[in-house]
Amino acid sequence: FEFVHLSGAWLKERQIKATPLTQGTFRVGSLKGASGH
């Protein structure tokens, strides 16, 4: 598997990123009070 997520920044939202899985943990999220840019 590749872990696919939509990441970026203000003015550059939801760029497709893909990270091959290896043993361990990969996480994305938001602590901004909103789902976030």
All heavy atoms as atom14 arrays in JSON, in Angstrom:
{
  "sequence": "FEFVHLSGAWLKERQIKATPLTQGTFRVGSLKGASGH",
  "atom14_mask": [
    [1, 1, 1, 1, 1, 1, 1, 1, 1, 1, 1, 0, 0, 0],
    [1, 1, 1, 1, 1, 1, 1, 1, 1, 0, 0, 0, 0, 0],
    [1, 1, 1, 1, 1, 1, 1, 1, 1, 1, 1, 0, 0, 0],
    [1, 1, 1, 1, 1, 1, 1, 0, 0, 0, 0, 0, 0, 0],
    [1, 1, 1, 1, 1, 1, 1, 1, 1, 1, 0, 0, 0, 0],
    [1, 1, 1, 1, 1, 1, 1, 1, 0, 0, 0, 0, 0, 0],
    [1, 1, 1, 1, 1, 1, 0, 0, 0, 0, 0, 0, 0, 0],
    [1, 1, 1, 1, 0, 0, 0, 0, 0, 0, 0, 0, 0, 0],
    [1, 1, 1, 1, 1, 0, 0, 0, 0, 0, 0, 0, 0, 0],
    [1, 1, 1, 1, 1, 1, 1, 1, 1, 1, 1, 1, 1, 1],
    [1, 1, 1, 1, 1, 1, 1, 1, 0, 0, 0, 0, 0, 0],
    [1, 1, 1, 1, 1, 1, 1, 1, 1, 0, 0, 0, 0, 0],
    [1, 1, 1, 1, 1, 1, 1, 1, 1, 0, 0, 0, 0, 0],
    [1, 1, 1, 1, 1, 1, 1, 1, 1, 1, 1, 0, 0, 0],
    [1, 1, 1, 1, 1, 1, 1, 1, 1, 0, 0, 0, 0, 0],
    [1, 1, 1, 1, 1, 1, 1, 1, 0, 0, 0, 0, 0, 0],
    [1, 1, 1, 1, 1, 1, 1, 1, 1, 0, 0, 0, 0, 0],
    [1, 1, 1, 1, 1, 0, 0, 0, 0, 0, 0, 0, 0, 0],
    [1, 1, 1, 1, 1, 1, 1, 0, 0, 0, 0, 0, 0, 0],
    [1, 1, 1, 1, 1, 1, 1, 0, 0, 0, 0, 0, 0, 0],
    [1, 1, 1, 1, 1, 1, 1, 1, 0, 0, 0, 0, 0, 0],
    [1, 1, 1, 1, 1, 1, 1, 0, 0, 0, 0, 0, 0, 0],
    [1, 1, 1, 1, 1, 1, 1, 1, 1, 0, 0, 0, 0, 0],
    [1, 1, 1, 1, 0, 0, 0, 0, 0, 0, 0, 0, 0, 0],
    [1, 1, 1, 1, 1, 1, 1, 0, 0, 0, 0, 0, 0, 0],
    [1, 1, 1, 1, 1, 1, 1, 1, 1, 1, 1, 0, 0, 0],
    [1, 1, 1, 1, 1, 1, 1, 1, 1, 1, 1, 0, 0, 0],
    [1, 1, 1, 1, 1, 1, 1, 0, 0, 0, 0, 0, 0, 0],
    [1, 1, 1, 1, 0, 0, 0, 0, 0, 0, 0, 0, 0, 0],
    [1, 1, 1, 1, 1, 1, 0, 0, 0, 0, 0, 0, 0, 0],
    [1, 1, 1, 1, 1, 1, 1, 1, 0, 0, 0, 0, 0, 0],
    [1, 1, 1, 1, 1, 1, 1, 1, 1, 0, 0, 0, 0, 0],
    [1, 1, 1, 1, 0, 0, 0, 0, 0, 0, 0, 0, 0, 0],
    [1, 1, 1, 1, 1, 0, 0, 0, 0, 0, 0, 0, 0, 0],
    [1, 1, 1, 1, 1, 1, 0, 0, 0, 0, 0, 0, 0, 0],
    [1, 1, 1, 1, 0, 0, 0, 0, 0, 0, 0, 0, 0, 0],
    [1, 1, 1, 1, 1, 1, 1, 1, 1, 1, 0, 0, 0, 0]
  ],
  "atom14_positions": [
    [[0.81, -1.2, 0.0], [0.0, 0.0, 0.0], [0.86, 1.27, 0.0], [1.93, 1.32, 0.61], [-0.89, 0.05, 1.25], [-2.13, -0.8, 1.16], [-2.46, -1.65, 2.21], [-2.98, -0.73, 0.07], [-3.61, -2.42, 2.16], [-4.12, -1.5, 0.01], [-4.44, -2.35, 1.06], [0.0, 0.0, 0.0], [0.0, 0.0, 0.0], [0.0, 0.0, 0.0]],
    [[0.3, 2.28, -0.66], [0.74, 3.65, -0.49], [-0.36, 4.39, 0.26], [-1.55, 4.21, -0.05], [1.01, 4.32, -1.83], [2.15, 3.7, -2.6], [2.31, 4.31, -3.99], [1.39, 5.04, -4.42], [3.32, 4.04, -4.63], [0.0, 0.0, 0.0], [0.0, 0.0, 0.0], [0.0, 0.0, 0.0], [0.0, 0.0, 0.0], [0.0, 0.0, 0.0]],
    [[0.03, 5.18, 1.24], [-0.93, 6.01, 1.96], [-1.1, 7.3, 1.18], [-0.18, 8.1, 1.04], [-0.41, 6.28, 3.37], [-1.36, 7.09, 4.23], [-2.61, 6.6, 4.55], [-1.0, 8.33, 4.73], [-3.48, 7.32, 5.35], [-1.86, 9.06, 5.54], [-3.1, 8.55, 5.85], [0.0, 0.0, 0.0], [0.0, 0.0, 0.0], [0.0, 0.0, 0.0]],
    [[-2.31, 7.49, 0.65], [-2.6, 8.64, -0.2], [-3.33, 9.68, 0.65], [-4.32, 9.35, 1.32], [-3.45, 8.24, -1.42], [-3.79, 9.46, -2.27], [-2.72, 7.19, -2.25], [0.0, 0.0, 0.0], [0.0, 0.0, 0.0], [0.0, 0.0, 0.0], [0.0, 0.0, 0.0], [0.0, 0.0, 0.0], [0.0, 0.0, 0.0], [0.0, 0.0, 0.0]],
    [[-2.85, 10.91, 0.62], [-3.52, 11.97, 1.37], [-3.5, 13.26, 0.55], [-2.69, 13.42, -0.37], [-2.87, 12.18, 2.75], [-1.38, 12.38, 2.71], [-0.77, 13.59, 2.92], [-0.37, 11.5, 2.5], [0.54, 13.47, 2.83], [0.81, 12.2, 2.58], [0.0, 0.0, 0.0], [0.0, 0.0, 0.0], [0.0, 0.0, 0.0], [0.0, 0.0, 0.0]],
    [[-4.4, 14.16, 0.87], [-4.54, 15.43, 0.16], [-3.99, 16.53, 1.06], [-4.66, 16.96, 2.0], [-6.01, 15.69, -0.18], [-6.73, 14.58, -0.96], [-8.17, 14.97, -1.23], [-6.0, 14.27, -2.26], [0.0, 0.0, 0.0], [0.0, 0.0, 0.0], [0.0, 0.0, 0.0], [0.0, 0.0, 0.0], [0.0, 0.0, 0.0], [0.0, 0.0, 0.0]],
    [[-2.78, 16.95, 0.79], [-2.09, 17.89, 1.67], [-1.6, 19.1, 0.89], [-1.55, 19.07, -0.34], [-0.92, 17.2, 2.38], [-1.39, 16.12, 3.17], [0.0, 0.0, 0.0], [0.0, 0.0, 0.0], [0.0, 0.0, 0.0], [0.0, 0.0, 0.0], [0.0, 0.0, 0.0], [0.0, 0.0, 0.0], [0.0, 0.0, 0.0], [0.0, 0.0, 0.0]],
    [[-1.26, 20.16, 1.59], [-0.79, 21.36, 0.92], [-0.73, 22.54, 1.86], [-0.23, 22.44, 2.98], [0.0, 0.0, 0.0], [0.0, 0.0, 0.0], [0.0, 0.0, 0.0], [0.0, 0.0, 0.0], [0.0, 0.0, 0.0], [0.0, 0.0, 0.0], [0.0, 0.0, 0.0], [0.0, 0.0, 0.0], [0.0, 0.0, 0.0], [0.0, 0.0, 0.0]],
    [[-1.27, 23.66, 1.42], [-1.2, 24.9, 2.2], [-2.26, 25.86, 1.66], [-2.91, 25.58, 0.65], [0.19, 25.53, 2.08], [0.0, 0.0, 0.0], [0.0, 0.0, 0.0], [0.0, 0.0, 0.0], [0.0, 0.0, 0.0], [0.0, 0.0, 0.0], [0.0, 0.0, 0.0], [0.0, 0.0, 0.0], [0.0, 0.0, 0.0], [0.0, 0.0, 0.0]],
    [[-2.43, 26.99, 2.34], [-3.3, 28.03, 1.8], [-2.8, 28.41, 0.41], [-1.61, 28.56, 0.18], [-3.28, 29.25, 2.73], [-4.09, 30.41, 2.23], [-5.44, 30.44, 2.02], [-3.6, 31.71, 1.87], [-5.82, 31.67, 1.55], [-4.72, 32.48, 1.46], [-2.34, 32.3, 1.87], [-4.61, 33.81, 1.03], [-2.23, 33.63, 1.46], [-3.34, 34.35, 1.05]],
    [[-3.7, 28.54, -0.54], [-3.46, 28.79, -1.96], [-2.95, 27.55, -2.7], [-2.78, 27.6, -3.92], [-2.47, 29.94, -2.19], [-2.83, 31.31, -1.64], [-1.76, 32.33, -2.02], [-4.19, 31.77, -2.16], [0.0, 0.0, 0.0], [0.0, 0.0, 0.0], [0.0, 0.0, 0.0], [0.0, 0.0, 0.0], [0.0, 0.0, 0.0], [0.0, 0.0, 0.0]],
    [[-2.74, 26.45, -1.99], [-2.2, 25.25, -2.64], [-2.79, 24.01, -1.96], [-2.07, 23.1, -1.56], [-0.68, 25.26, -2.54], [0.05, 24.48, -3.61], [1.55, 24.68, -3.48], [2.29, 24.0, -4.63], [2.03, 24.62, -5.92], [0.0, 0.0, 0.0], [0.0, 0.0, 0.0], [0.0, 0.0, 0.0], [0.0, 0.0, 0.0], [0.0, 0.0, 0.0]],
    [[-4.1, 24.0, -1.86], [-4.77, 22.96, -1.08], [-4.89, 21.64, -1.86], [-4.9, 21.61, -3.09], [-6.18, 23.42, -0.68], [-6.21, 24.61, 0.26], [-6.23, 25.96, -0.41], [-5.94, 26.04, -1.63], [-6.52, 26.96, 0.27], [0.0, 0.0, 0.0], [0.0, 0.0, 0.0], [0.0, 0.0, 0.0], [0.0, 0.0, 0.0], [0.0, 0.0, 0.0]],
    [[-4.99, 20.56, -1.09], [-5.36, 19.22, -1.56], [-4.55, 18.74, -2.77], [-5.08, 18.31, -3.78], [-6.88, 19.16, -1.83], [-7.68, 19.26, -0.54], [-9.17, 19.34, -0.78], [-9.54, 20.43, -1.65], [-9.53, 21.73, -1.31], [-9.17, 22.09, -0.11], [-9.88, 22.65, -2.18], [0.0, 0.0, 0.0], [0.0, 0.0, 0.0], [0.0, 0.0, 0.0]],
    [[-3.22, 18.79, -2.6], [-2.31, 18.19, -3.57], [-2.18, 16.7, -3.23], [-2.05, 16.33, -2.08], [-0.94, 18.86, -3.48], [-0.97, 20.38, -3.51], [-1.32, 20.95, -4.86], [-0.65, 20.67, -5.86], [-2.38, 21.74, -4.93], [0.0, 0.0, 0.0], [0.0, 0.0, 0.0], [0.0, 0.0, 0.0], [0.0, 0.0, 0.0], [0.0, 0.0, 0.0]],
    [[-2.23, 15.86, -4.23], [-2.17, 14.42, -3.99], [-0.75, 14.01, -3.61], [0.2, 14.23, -4.36], [-2.64, 13.63, -5.22], [-4.11, 13.96, -5.55], [-2.47, 12.12, -5.0], [-4.63, 13.3, -6.8], [0.0, 0.0, 0.0], [0.0, 0.0, 0.0], [0.0, 0.0, 0.0], [0.0, 0.0, 0.0], [0.0, 0.0, 0.0], [0.0, 0.0, 0.0]],
    [[-0.62, 13.42, -2.42], [0.66, 12.9, -1.94], [0.49, 11.4, -1.68], [-0.56, 10.96, -1.19], [1.07, 13.6, -0.64], [1.01, 15.13, -0.69], [2.11, 15.75, -1.51], [1.99, 17.26, -1.58], [2.14, 17.93, -0.28], [0.0, 0.0, 0.0], [0.0, 0.0, 0.0], [0.0, 0.0, 0.0], [0.0, 0.0, 0.0], [0.0, 0.0, 0.0]],
    [[1.52, 10.63, -1.97], [1.47, 9.18, -1.75], [2.75, 8.73, -1.07], [3.86, 9.01, -1.55], [1.28, 8.44, -3.07], [0.0, 0.0, 0.0], [0.0, 0.0, 0.0], [0.0, 0.0, 0.0], [0.0, 0.0, 0.0], [0.0, 0.0, 0.0], [0.0, 0.0, 0.0], [0.0, 0.0, 0.0], [0.0, 0.0, 0.0], [0.0, 0.0, 0.0]],
    [[2.62, 8.04, 0.07], [3.76, 7.59, 0.87], [3.71, 6.08, 1.02], [2.74, 5.54, 1.58], [3.7, 8.24, 2.27], [3.66, 9.66, 2.14], [4.91, 7.83, 3.1], [0.0, 0.0, 0.0], [0.0, 0.0, 0.0], [0.0, 0.0, 0.0], [0.0, 0.0, 0.0], [0.0, 0.0, 0.0], [0.0, 0.0, 0.0], [0.0, 0.0, 0.0]],
    [[4.71, 5.33, 0.52], [4.71, 3.88, 0.69], [4.74, 3.51, 2.18], [5.45, 4.13, 2.98], [5.99, 3.44, -0.01], [6.33, 4.56, -0.94], [5.86, 5.81, -0.26], [0.0, 0.0, 0.0], [0.0, 0.0, 0.0], [0.0, 0.0, 0.0], [0.0, 0.0, 0.0], [0.0, 0.0, 0.0], [0.0, 0.0, 0.0], [0.0, 0.0, 0.0]],
    [[3.96, 2.5, 2.55], [3.91, 2.07, 3.95], [5.13, 1.24, 4.3], [5.6, 0.4, 3.52], [2.65, 1.25, 4.21], [1.3, 1.97, 4.13], [0.21, 1.04, 4.65], [1.3, 3.27, 4.91], [0.0, 0.0, 0.0], [0.0, 0.0, 0.0], [0.0, 0.0, 0.0], [0.0, 0.0, 0.0], [0.0, 0.0, 0.0], [0.0, 0.0, 0.0]],
    [[5.63, 1.48, 5.5], [6.62, 0.61, 6.11], [6.16, 0.37, 7.55], [5.18, 0.96, 8.01], [8.02, 1.25, 6.12], [7.95, 2.48, 6.85], [8.51, 1.54, 4.71], [0.0, 0.0, 0.0], [0.0, 0.0, 0.0], [0.0, 0.0, 0.0], [0.0, 0.0, 0.0], [0.0, 0.0, 0.0], [0.0, 0.0, 0.0], [0.0, 0.0, 0.0]],
    [[6.86, -0.51, 8.26], [6.51, -0.75, 9.65], [6.6, 0.56, 10.43], [7.61, 1.27, 10.38], [7.42, -1.8, 10.26], [7.03, -2.18, 11.68], [7.9, -3.29, 12.23], [8.57, -3.99, 11.48], [7.9, -3.46, 13.55], [0.0, 0.0, 0.0], [0.0, 0.0, 0.0], [0.0, 0.0, 0.0], [0.0, 0.0, 0.0], [0.0, 0.0, 0.0]],
    [[5.53, 0.89, 11.14], [5.47, 2.14, 11.88], [4.14, 2.84, 11.63], [3.19, 2.24, 11.11], [0.0, 0.0, 0.0], [0.0, 0.0, 0.0], [0.0, 0.0, 0.0], [0.0, 0.0, 0.0], [0.0, 0.0, 0.0], [0.0, 0.0, 0.0], [0.0, 0.0, 0.0], [0.0, 0.0, 0.0], [0.0, 0.0, 0.0], [0.0, 0.0, 0.0]],
    [[4.08, 4.12, 11.98], [2.83, 4.87, 11.91], [3.03, 6.15, 11.11], [4.02, 6.85, 11.29], [2.34, 5.24, 13.32], [2.17, 4.04, 14.09], [1.02, 5.99, 13.28], [0.0, 0.0, 0.0], [0.0, 0.0, 0.0], [0.0, 0.0, 0.0], [0.0, 0.0, 0.0], [0.0, 0.0, 0.0], [0.0, 0.0, 0.0], [0.0, 0.0, 0.0]],
    [[2.07, 6.41, 10.21], [2.05, 7.67, 9.46], [0.7, 8.32, 9.72], [-0.33, 7.66, 9.65], [2.22, 7.4, 7.96], [2.41, 8.65, 7.14], [3.67, 9.15, 6.87], [1.32, 9.35, 6.65], [3.85, 10.3, 6.13], [1.48, 10.52, 5.92], [2.75, 10.99, 5.65], [0.0, 0.0, 0.0], [0.0, 0.0, 0.0], [0.0, 0.0, 0.0]],
    [[0.73, 9.64, 10.01], [-0.52, 10.31, 10.35], [-0.57, 11.7, 9.75], [0.45, 12.36, 9.58], [-0.69, 10.38, 11.87], [0.49, 11.0, 12.59], [0.22, 11.29, 14.07], [-0.37, 10.17, 14.79], [-0.77, 10.26, 16.06], [-0.64, 11.41, 16.73], [-1.29, 9.23, 16.68], [0.0, 0.0, 0.0], [0.0, 0.0, 0.0], [0.0, 0.0, 0.0]],
    [[-1.81, 12.15, 9.44], [-2.07, 13.53, 9.06], [-3.27, 13.99, 9.88], [-4.07, 13.18, 10.35], [-2.37, 13.68, 7.55], [-1.16, 13.3, 6.71], [-3.59, 12.86, 7.13], [0.0, 0.0, 0.0], [0.0, 0.0, 0.0], [0.0, 0.0, 0.0], [0.0, 0.0, 0.0], [0.0, 0.0, 0.0], [0.0, 0.0, 0.0], [0.0, 0.0, 0.0]],
    [[-3.4, 15.31, 10.05], [-4.53, 15.79, 10.84], [-4.52, 17.29, 10.94], [-3.74, 17.98, 10.28], [0.0, 0.0, 0.0], [0.0, 0.0, 0.0], [0.0, 0.0, 0.0], [0.0, 0.0, 0.0], [0.0, 0.0, 0.0], [0.0, 0.0, 0.0], [0.0, 0.0, 0.0], [0.0, 0.0, 0.0], [0.0, 0.0, 0.0], [0.0, 0.0, 0.0]],
    [[-5.38, 17.81, 11.79], [-5.5, 19.24, 11.99], [-5.81, 19.52, 13.45], [-6.6, 18.82, 14.08], [-6.61, 19.83, 11.12], [-6.8, 21.21, 11.4], [0.0, 0.0, 0.0], [0.0, 0.0, 0.0], [0.0, 0.0, 0.0], [0.0, 0.0, 0.0], [0.0, 0.0, 0.0], [0.0, 0.0, 0.0], [0.0, 0.0, 0.0], [0.0, 0.0, 0.0]],
    [[-5.19, 20.59, 13.97], [-5.47, 21.09, 15.31], [-5.84, 22.57, 15.25], [-5.63, 23.31, 16.21], [-4.26, 20.87, 16.22], [-3.99, 19.42, 16.64], [-2.62, 19.29, 17.29], [-5.09, 18.93, 17.58], [0.0, 0.0, 0.0], [0.0, 0.0, 0.0], [0.0, 0.0, 0.0], [0.0, 0.0, 0.0], [0.0, 0.0, 0.0], [0.0, 0.0, 0.0]],
    [[-6.4, 23.0, 14.11], [-6.68, 24.41, 13.88], [-8.12, 24.8, 14.2], [-8.52, 25.93, 14.01], [-6.37, 24.75, 12.42], [-4.95, 24.4, 12.0], [-4.7, 24.62, 10.53], [-4.58, 26.09, 10.22], [-4.2, 26.31, 8.8], [0.0, 0.0, 0.0], [0.0, 0.0, 0.0], [0.0, 0.0, 0.0], [0.0, 0.0, 0.0], [0.0, 0.0, 0.0]],
    [[-8.91, 23.84, 14.68], [-10.33, 24.09, 14.9], [-11.15, 23.9, 13.65], [-12.37, 24.02, 13.67], [0.0, 0.0, 0.0], [0.0, 0.0, 0.0], [0.0, 0.0, 0.0], [0.0, 0.0, 0.0], [0.0, 0.0, 0.0], [0.0, 0.0, 0.0], [0.0, 0.0, 0.0], [0.0, 0.0, 0.0], [0.0, 0.0, 0.0], [0.0, 0.0, 0.0]],
    [[-10.5, 23.6, 12.54], [-11.14, 23.32, 11.25], [-10.34, 22.21, 10.59], [-9.2, 21.92, 10.97], [-11.14, 24.57, 10.37], [0.0, 0.0, 0.0], [0.0, 0.0, 0.0], [0.0, 0.0, 0.0], [0.0, 0.0, 0.0], [0.0, 0.0, 0.0], [0.0, 0.0, 0.0], [0.0, 0.0, 0.0], [0.0, 0.0, 0.0], [0.0, 0.0, 0.0]],
    [[-10.93, 21.58, 9.58], [-10.21, 20.49, 8.92], [-8.93, 20.98, 8.27], [-7.96, 20.24, 8.18], [-11.12, 19.77, 7.92], [-11.81, 20.68, 7.08], [0.0, 0.0, 0.0], [0.0, 0.0, 0.0], [0.0, 0.0, 0.0], [0.0, 0.0, 0.0], [0.0, 0.0, 0.0], [0.0, 0.0, 0.0], [0.0, 0.0, 0.0], [0.0, 0.0, 0.0]],
    [[-8.89, 22.24, 7.8], [-7.62, 22.87, 7.49], [-7.17, 22.83, 6.05], [-7.56, 21.98, 5.26], [0.0, 0.0, 0.0], [0.0, 0.0, 0.0], [0.0, 0.0, 0.0], [0.0, 0.0, 0.0], [0.0, 0.0, 0.0], [0.0, 0.0, 0.0], [0.0, 0.0, 0.0], [0.0, 0.0, 0.0], [0.0, 0.0, 0.0], [0.0, 0.0, 0.0]],
    [[-6.28, 23.8, 5.71], [-5.66, 23.87, 4.39], [-4.56, 22.82, 4.23], [-4.28, 22.37, 3.12], [-5.04, 25.25, 4.15], [-5.99, 26.39, 4.19], [-6.41, 26.97, 5.37], [-6.62, 27.08, 3.21], [-7.24, 27.97, 5.1], [-7.39, 28.05, 3.8], [0.0, 0.0, 0.0], [0.0, 0.0, 0.0], [0.0, 0.0, 0.0], [0.0, 0.0, 0.0]]
  ]
}
